Amino acid sequence: MGDLSKDINSKFENEKQKALINILYTANWINSFQNEFFKSFGISPQQYNILKILNGASEPLKVQTIKDRMIERAPNATRLMDKLCAKQLIDRIPCEDDRRVVHSAITSQGKTLLKTISSDFYETLIEKLTETEARQLNLILDKMR
């Protein structure tokens, strides 16, 4: 089992300070894991999130709707979507009623890519937690926010 104090060679004033640093340290660890995992698929974790959002939607979505649903609220969502469009993983669909509005939808190529990406990578991140521990962690994180 990891020990934050040893991992970063640091001491903490109290358990609350250690908990906050631990959350930040763990978030960075998860981010690094995801970046490395998705690299072989030619997309970023944020782009994966966009593909999952569009795949789960019953209709094409506006950029703002996608931004609102993202795990990491990316100010560069439009640029991320431009890259997905260039890779033919999503399509841009102009709105008939308002030409300033553009909707996006996942393509069949995007759906195929999602099928090749195993969702087991999330399990790898949390495999050491029991269901009870995961429930406790969720309660604590929800309480913190």
Foldseek 3Di string as FASTA:
>chain_A
DDDVCVVVVHDDPDPVVVVVVVVVVLVVVVLVLQQVLCVVVVAHPQLVLLLVVQVPDPDFAWQVVSLVPTPDNDPCSVVSVVVCVVVVQKDWAADPVDRVTITIHGDVVVVVSVVVRDPCSVCVSCVVDDPVRVVVVVVVVVVVD
